Amino acid sequence: MAPIVDPNRESINKWEMHKLLVRHSIKKVKIPDTELLSREALRSMLQEYHLLYIKPVDSWGGKGISTLEQSGNSFVWTIQGQEAAILHNFNEACEKIRQFYDDKSTIIQRGIPTVSYGGHPFDIRPHLYKEMDGSWVYAGDLVRIGGDGSIVSNVEISNGSVKPTDEVISALFPDPERRFSTDTLKEVSMEICHMLDQYHFFTEVGIDFGLDQGGNLWMIEVNTNDLQGEPDPYLFSLLPDQSSFNNIIDNKAKIHDRWMRHMMESFESYLTEKGEEPD
């Protein structure tokens, strides 16, 4: 049985993360049906949903993601950043997808029935960080909007943009009674961070959420810091209001300094116990 946390990267891949979210029954967010890629799973999912997202379990930044959409007896397969390809039957679709992903561990996820913003995909990205005492701080949130022709909302890979969450929510849901509450965003994000505490000591989390026509929150992806990087705080520097960005950067620096002092104090205490003088 594979470990939940990858010991080489100190991360939780997309498949293991999906299983954790389902196991812990995270409240107030819809978890899209997800399966490991196989011929049988692909056929079954296509019978249920007209649009599927296909993702390598260890990918990041929108890389290697594709969509498969059935159109009559044919299939439209779109790899992020490439022109859509028309595949004439299920066997051809299976073969092309198998060749592209080259037996890498990959998931199939139903296309979430989310609303778009100006015809572009978007998600809401909260950013949270951990204090020295182990408590989580909700630093802020923003909306990432995919660029022209993109199937993902990742800003860098799609040449997209960011906007304040309230601005996008107000435009999509002008009726205040139907409007999605950002309080729910904070509640769900904190619940996910506390869940993650049971499996690994993560210090930063960025979560990607989608919204449907009814204002319901859908899970897209949970991103954590690992040995390859962290959720990008510099997205917040692209907002007109720089307060969230400044708070994130200032607190990252303060926490880093406190950790360094803590490590030095622990080392000096260790040397004293051994009867050695620290340099």
Protein backbone atom coordinates (compact mmCIF):
# COMPACT_ATOMS: atom_id res chain seq x y z
CA MET A 1 0.00 0.00 0.00
CA ALA A 2 1.46 3.35 -1.09
CA PRO A 3 2.06 5.93 1.69
CA ILE A 4 -0.30 8.89 1.88
CA VAL A 5 2.65 11.30 1.98
CA ASP A 6 5.31 10.91 -0.72
CA PRO A 7 8.55 10.63 1.30
CA ASN A 8 10.68 11.89 -1.59
CA ARG A 9 8.70 15.09 -2.13
CA GLU A 10 6.92 15.40 1.24
CA SER A 11 3.64 15.97 -0.57
CA ILE A 12 0.25 14.33 -0.98
CA ASN A 13 -0.56 13.59 -4.62
CA LYS A 14 -3.91 14.31 -6.25
CA TRP A 15 -5.26 10.77 -5.87
CA GLU A 16 -4.33 10.42 -2.21
CA MET A 17 -5.66 13.92 -1.53
CA HIS A 18 -8.99 13.06 -3.16
CA LYS A 19 -9.31 9.95 -0.99
CA LEU A 20 -8.58 11.98 2.15
CA LEU A 21 -11.21 14.60 1.28
CA VAL A 22 -13.81 11.86 0.71
CA ARG A 23 -12.79 9.94 3.85
CA HIS A 24 -13.08 13.00 6.08
CA SER A 25 -16.37 14.18 4.54
CA ILE A 26 -15.30 17.81 4.31
CA LYS A 27 -18.44 19.87 4.86
CA LYS A 28 -19.94 22.57 2.63
CA VAL A 29 -17.91 21.61 -0.47
CA LYS A 30 -18.73 19.20 -3.29
CA ILE A 31 -16.01 16.67 -4.16
CA PRO A 32 -16.06 15.70 -7.88
CA ASP A 33 -16.15 12.00 -8.76
CA THR A 34 -12.59 10.88 -9.43
CA GLU A 35 -11.01 7.58 -10.54
CA LEU A 36 -7.56 6.33 -11.44
CA LEU A 37 -7.13 6.27 -15.21
CA SER A 38 -7.96 2.95 -16.83
CA ARG A 39 -9.90 1.85 -19.88
CA GLU A 40 -12.79 0.66 -17.71
CA ALA A 41 -12.86 3.84 -15.60
CA LEU A 42 -12.75 6.04 -18.70
CA ARG A 43 -15.69 4.24 -20.27
CA SER A 44 -17.70 4.33 -17.06
CA MET A 45 -17.05 8.02 -16.43
CA LEU A 46 -17.96 8.95 -20.01
CA GLN A 47 -21.30 7.20 -19.59
CA GLU A 48 -21.95 9.38 -16.55
CA TYR A 49 -20.44 12.74 -17.55
CA HIS A 50 -19.97 14.46 -20.90
CA LEU A 51 -16.77 16.26 -19.84
CA LEU A 52 -13.76 14.77 -18.03
CA TYR A 53 -10.49 16.25 -16.76
CA ILE A 54 -7.41 14.05 -16.90
CA LYS A 55 -4.48 14.90 -14.59
CA PRO A 56 -1.17 13.26 -13.62
CA VAL A 57 -1.34 12.72 -9.85
CA ASP A 58 1.97 14.51 -9.21
CA SER A 59 1.62 17.40 -11.68
CA TRP A 60 1.55 21.05 -10.62
CA GLY A 61 0.97 24.42 -12.26
CA GLY A 62 -1.62 23.04 -14.69
CA LYS A 63 1.00 20.97 -16.55
CA GLY A 64 -0.12 17.80 -18.31
CA ILE A 65 -3.84 18.42 -17.77
CA SER A 66 -6.26 17.58 -20.57
CA THR A 67 -10.00 17.37 -21.10
CA LEU A 68 -12.04 14.76 -22.93
CA GLU A 69 -15.52 15.62 -24.15
CA GLN A 70 -17.89 13.34 -26.03
CA SER A 71 -19.57 14.78 -29.10
CA GLY A 72 -21.91 12.26 -30.68
CA ASN A 73 -19.81 9.21 -31.52
CA SER A 74 -16.59 11.25 -31.54
CA PHE A 75 -14.46 12.71 -28.77
CA VAL A 76 -12.78 16.10 -28.41
CA TRP A 77 -9.47 15.81 -26.56
CA THR A 78 -7.75 19.04 -25.49
CA ILE A 79 -4.34 19.17 -23.85
CA GLN A 80 -3.63 22.41 -21.98
CA GLY A 81 -1.90 24.82 -24.35
CA GLN A 82 -2.60 22.78 -27.50
CA GLU A 83 -5.27 22.69 -30.19
CA ALA A 84 -8.17 20.31 -29.62
CA ALA A 85 -7.93 16.94 -31.38
CA ILE A 86 -10.94 15.07 -32.77
CA LEU A 87 -10.83 11.34 -31.95
CA HIS A 88 -13.25 9.23 -33.94
CA ASN A 89 -14.09 6.47 -31.47
CA PHE A 90 -13.52 5.27 -27.93
CA ASN A 91 -10.66 2.94 -28.84
CA GLU A 92 -8.75 5.76 -30.51
CA ALA A 93 -9.35 8.02 -27.50
CA CYS A 94 -8.03 5.36 -25.11
CA GLU A 95 -4.92 4.75 -27.19
CA LYS A 96 -4.05 8.44 -27.61
CA ILE A 97 -4.54 9.15 -23.90
CA ARG A 98 -2.50 6.08 -22.90
CA GLN A 99 0.36 7.15 -25.15
CA PHE A 100 0.33 10.73 -23.87
CA TYR A 101 0.36 9.82 -20.18
CA ASP A 102 2.78 6.94 -20.79
CA ASP A 103 1.51 4.78 -17.91
CA LYS A 104 2.10 7.53 -15.35
CA SER A 105 -0.25 7.46 -12.40
CA THR A 106 -3.14 9.62 -13.61
CA ILE A 107 -6.65 10.47 -12.45
CA ILE A 108 -9.89 11.07 -14.32
CA GLN A 109 -12.17 13.68 -12.78
CA ARG A 110 -15.65 14.70 -13.80
CA GLY A 111 -15.93 18.15 -15.32
CA ILE A 112 -17.25 20.35 -12.55
CA PRO A 113 -20.42 22.28 -13.58
CA THR A 114 -18.84 25.61 -12.71
CA VAL A 115 -19.75 29.03 -14.01
CA SER A 116 -17.19 30.88 -16.12
CA TYR A 117 -16.10 34.50 -15.90
CA GLY A 118 -16.30 36.29 -19.23
CA GLY A 119 -16.10 32.91 -20.96
CA HIS A 120 -12.89 31.98 -19.09
CA PRO A 121 -12.35 29.27 -16.47
CA PHE A 122 -11.67 30.59 -13.00
CA ASP A 123 -11.14 29.39 -9.48
CA ILE A 124 -11.02 30.96 -6.04
CA ARG A 125 -7.62 30.57 -4.33
CA PRO A 126 -7.41 31.09 -0.55
CA HIS A 127 -3.92 31.14 0.96
CA LEU A 128 -3.27 29.92 4.50
CA TYR A 129 -0.08 29.66 6.54
CA LYS A 130 0.83 28.09 9.87
CA GLU A 131 2.02 30.05 12.88
CA MET A 132 4.76 28.86 15.24
CA ASP A 133 2.15 27.59 17.71
CA GLY A 134 0.66 25.32 15.04
CA SER A 135 -2.45 27.43 14.41
CA TRP A 136 -3.55 28.24 10.86
CA VAL A 137 -4.01 31.81 9.60
CA TYR A 138 -6.33 32.63 6.70
CA ALA A 139 -4.19 35.17 4.83
CA GLY A 140 -6.66 36.07 2.07
CA ASP A 141 -8.18 34.92 -1.20
CA LEU A 142 -8.34 35.92 -4.84
CA VAL A 143 -9.76 34.71 -8.14
CA ARG A 144 -7.47 33.23 -10.80
CA ILE A 145 -8.82 33.59 -14.35
CA GLY A 146 -7.49 31.44 -17.19
CA GLY A 147 -6.26 33.07 -20.38
CA ASP A 148 -7.78 32.77 -23.85
CA GLY A 149 -8.36 29.17 -24.91
CA SER A 150 -7.19 27.74 -21.60
CA ILE A 151 -8.82 24.74 -19.92
CA VAL A 152 -7.24 25.64 -16.55
CA SER A 153 -7.16 28.78 -14.44
CA ASN A 154 -3.46 28.65 -13.60
CA VAL A 155 -2.23 32.16 -14.35
CA GLU A 156 1.33 31.38 -15.46
CA ILE A 157 0.66 28.51 -17.84
CA SER A 158 -2.41 30.14 -19.40
CA ASN A 159 -1.26 33.77 -19.45
CA GLY A 160 -4.23 34.51 -17.22
CA SER A 161 -5.02 37.17 -14.63
CA VAL A 162 -6.23 37.66 -11.07
CA LYS A 163 -9.04 39.72 -9.57
CA PRO A 164 -10.39 40.39 -6.07
CA THR A 165 -12.82 37.67 -5.01
CA ASP A 166 -15.60 40.08 -4.04
CA GLU A 167 -15.47 41.77 -7.45
CA VAL A 168 -15.95 38.50 -9.34
CA ILE A 169 -18.60 37.12 -6.96
CA SER A 170 -20.65 40.32 -7.16
CA ALA A 171 -20.52 40.25 -10.97
CA LEU A 172 -21.56 36.59 -11.20
CA PHE A 173 -24.20 36.73 -8.46
CA PRO A 174 -25.70 40.24 -8.46
CA ASP A 175 -28.60 39.08 -6.27
CA PRO A 176 -27.28 39.26 -2.66
CA GLU A 177 -29.64 36.45 -1.59
CA ARG A 178 -28.04 34.04 -4.11
CA ARG A 179 -24.50 35.25 -3.54
CA PHE A 180 -21.85 32.87 -2.32
CA SER A 181 -20.53 33.76 1.14
CA THR A 182 -16.77 34.00 1.58
CA ASP A 183 -17.33 32.93 5.20
CA THR A 184 -17.94 29.45 3.83
CA LEU A 185 -14.65 29.69 1.93
CA LYS A 186 -12.77 30.39 5.14
CA GLU A 187 -14.60 27.68 7.08
CA VAL A 188 -13.91 24.97 4.51
CA SER A 189 -10.28 26.03 4.04
CA MET A 190 -9.58 25.86 7.78
CA GLU A 191 -11.26 22.46 8.01
CA ILE A 192 -9.01 21.12 5.23
CA CYS A 193 -5.86 22.48 6.91
CA HIS A 194 -6.81 20.84 10.20
CA MET A 195 -7.40 17.58 8.32
CA LEU A 196 -3.94 17.80 6.76
CA ASP A 197 -2.39 18.25 10.22
CA GLN A 198 -3.25 14.61 10.89
CA TYR A 199 -0.92 13.43 8.13
CA HIS A 200 2.02 15.83 7.77
CA PHE A 201 3.47 19.10 9.05
CA PHE A 202 2.59 21.47 6.22
CA THR A 203 3.18 25.19 6.72
CA GLU A 204 1.41 26.70 3.68
CA VAL A 205 -1.73 25.69 1.83
CA GLY A 206 -3.44 27.13 -1.26
CA ILE A 207 -6.80 25.63 -2.20
CA ASP A 208 -8.53 25.91 -5.58
CA PHE A 209 -12.34 26.07 -5.49
CA GLY A 210 -14.94 26.35 -8.24
CA LEU A 211 -18.49 27.71 -8.08
CA ASP A 212 -21.60 26.44 -9.86
CA GLN A 213 -24.73 28.36 -10.90
CA GLY A 214 -26.31 27.78 -7.50
CA GLY A 215 -23.33 29.30 -5.69
CA ASN A 216 -22.20 25.91 -4.43
CA LEU A 217 -18.51 25.41 -3.67
CA TRP A 218 -16.64 22.65 -5.54
CA MET A 219 -13.23 21.27 -4.75
CA ILE A 220 -10.68 21.49 -7.57
CA GLU A 221 -7.33 20.98 -5.88
CA VAL A 222 -5.44 21.29 -2.58
CA ASN A 223 -1.89 22.63 -2.92
CA THR A 224 0.65 22.45 -0.09
CA ASN A 225 4.27 23.37 0.40
CA ASP A 226 6.70 20.52 -0.34
CA LEU A 227 10.32 20.01 -1.31
CA GLN A 228 9.61 21.40 -4.81
CA GLY A 229 7.93 24.63 -3.77
CA GLU A 230 4.85 26.17 -2.23
CA PRO A 231 1.52 27.75 -3.20
CA ASP A 232 2.43 30.98 -4.98
CA PRO A 233 1.95 33.97 -2.62
CA TYR A 234 3.05 36.39 -5.35
CA LEU A 235 -0.34 36.06 -7.05
CA PHE A 236 -1.56 38.43 -4.33
CA SER A 237 0.93 41.06 -5.49
CA LEU A 238 -1.13 41.35 -8.71
CA LEU A 239 -4.19 42.61 -6.83
CA PRO A 240 -4.95 46.35 -6.58
CA ASP A 241 -4.98 46.01 -2.78
CA GLN A 242 -1.53 44.86 -1.64
CA SER A 243 -2.45 44.30 2.01
CA SER A 244 -2.88 40.50 1.79
CA PHE A 245 0.39 40.13 -0.12
CA ASN A 246 2.28 42.31 2.36
CA ASN A 247 0.85 40.36 5.30
CA ILE A 248 1.81 37.01 3.76
CA ILE A 249 5.39 38.07 2.98
CA ASP A 250 5.89 39.84 6.33
CA ASN A 251 4.59 36.85 8.26
CA LYS A 252 6.66 34.38 6.22
CA ALA A 253 9.77 36.36 7.13
CA LYS A 254 8.82 36.60 10.81
CA ILE A 255 8.01 32.89 11.06
CA HIS A 256 11.26 31.98 9.30
CA ASP A 257 13.24 34.14 11.76
CA ARG A 258 11.45 32.58 14.72
CA TRP A 259 12.13 29.07 13.43
CA MET A 260 15.81 29.91 12.95
CA ARG A 261 16.04 31.29 16.49
CA HIS A 262 14.27 28.21 17.83
CA MET A 263 16.70 25.90 16.01
CA MET A 264 19.72 27.85 17.30
CA GLU A 265 18.41 27.81 20.86
CA SER A 266 17.78 24.06 20.61
CA PHE A 267 21.30 23.52 19.25
CA GLU A 268 22.89 25.62 21.98
CA SER A 269 20.90 23.73 24.61
CA TYR A 270 22.10 20.44 23.13
CA LEU A 271 25.76 21.59 23.27
CA THR A 272 25.33 22.76 26.87
CA GLU A 273 23.94 19.37 27.88
CA LYS A 274 27.03 17.73 26.32
CA GLY A 275 29.27 20.12 28.20
CA GLU A 276 30.43 21.93 25.08
CA GLU A 277 30.46 25.68 24.53
CA PRO A 278 28.62 27.00 21.44
CA ASP A 279 30.78 29.01 19.02
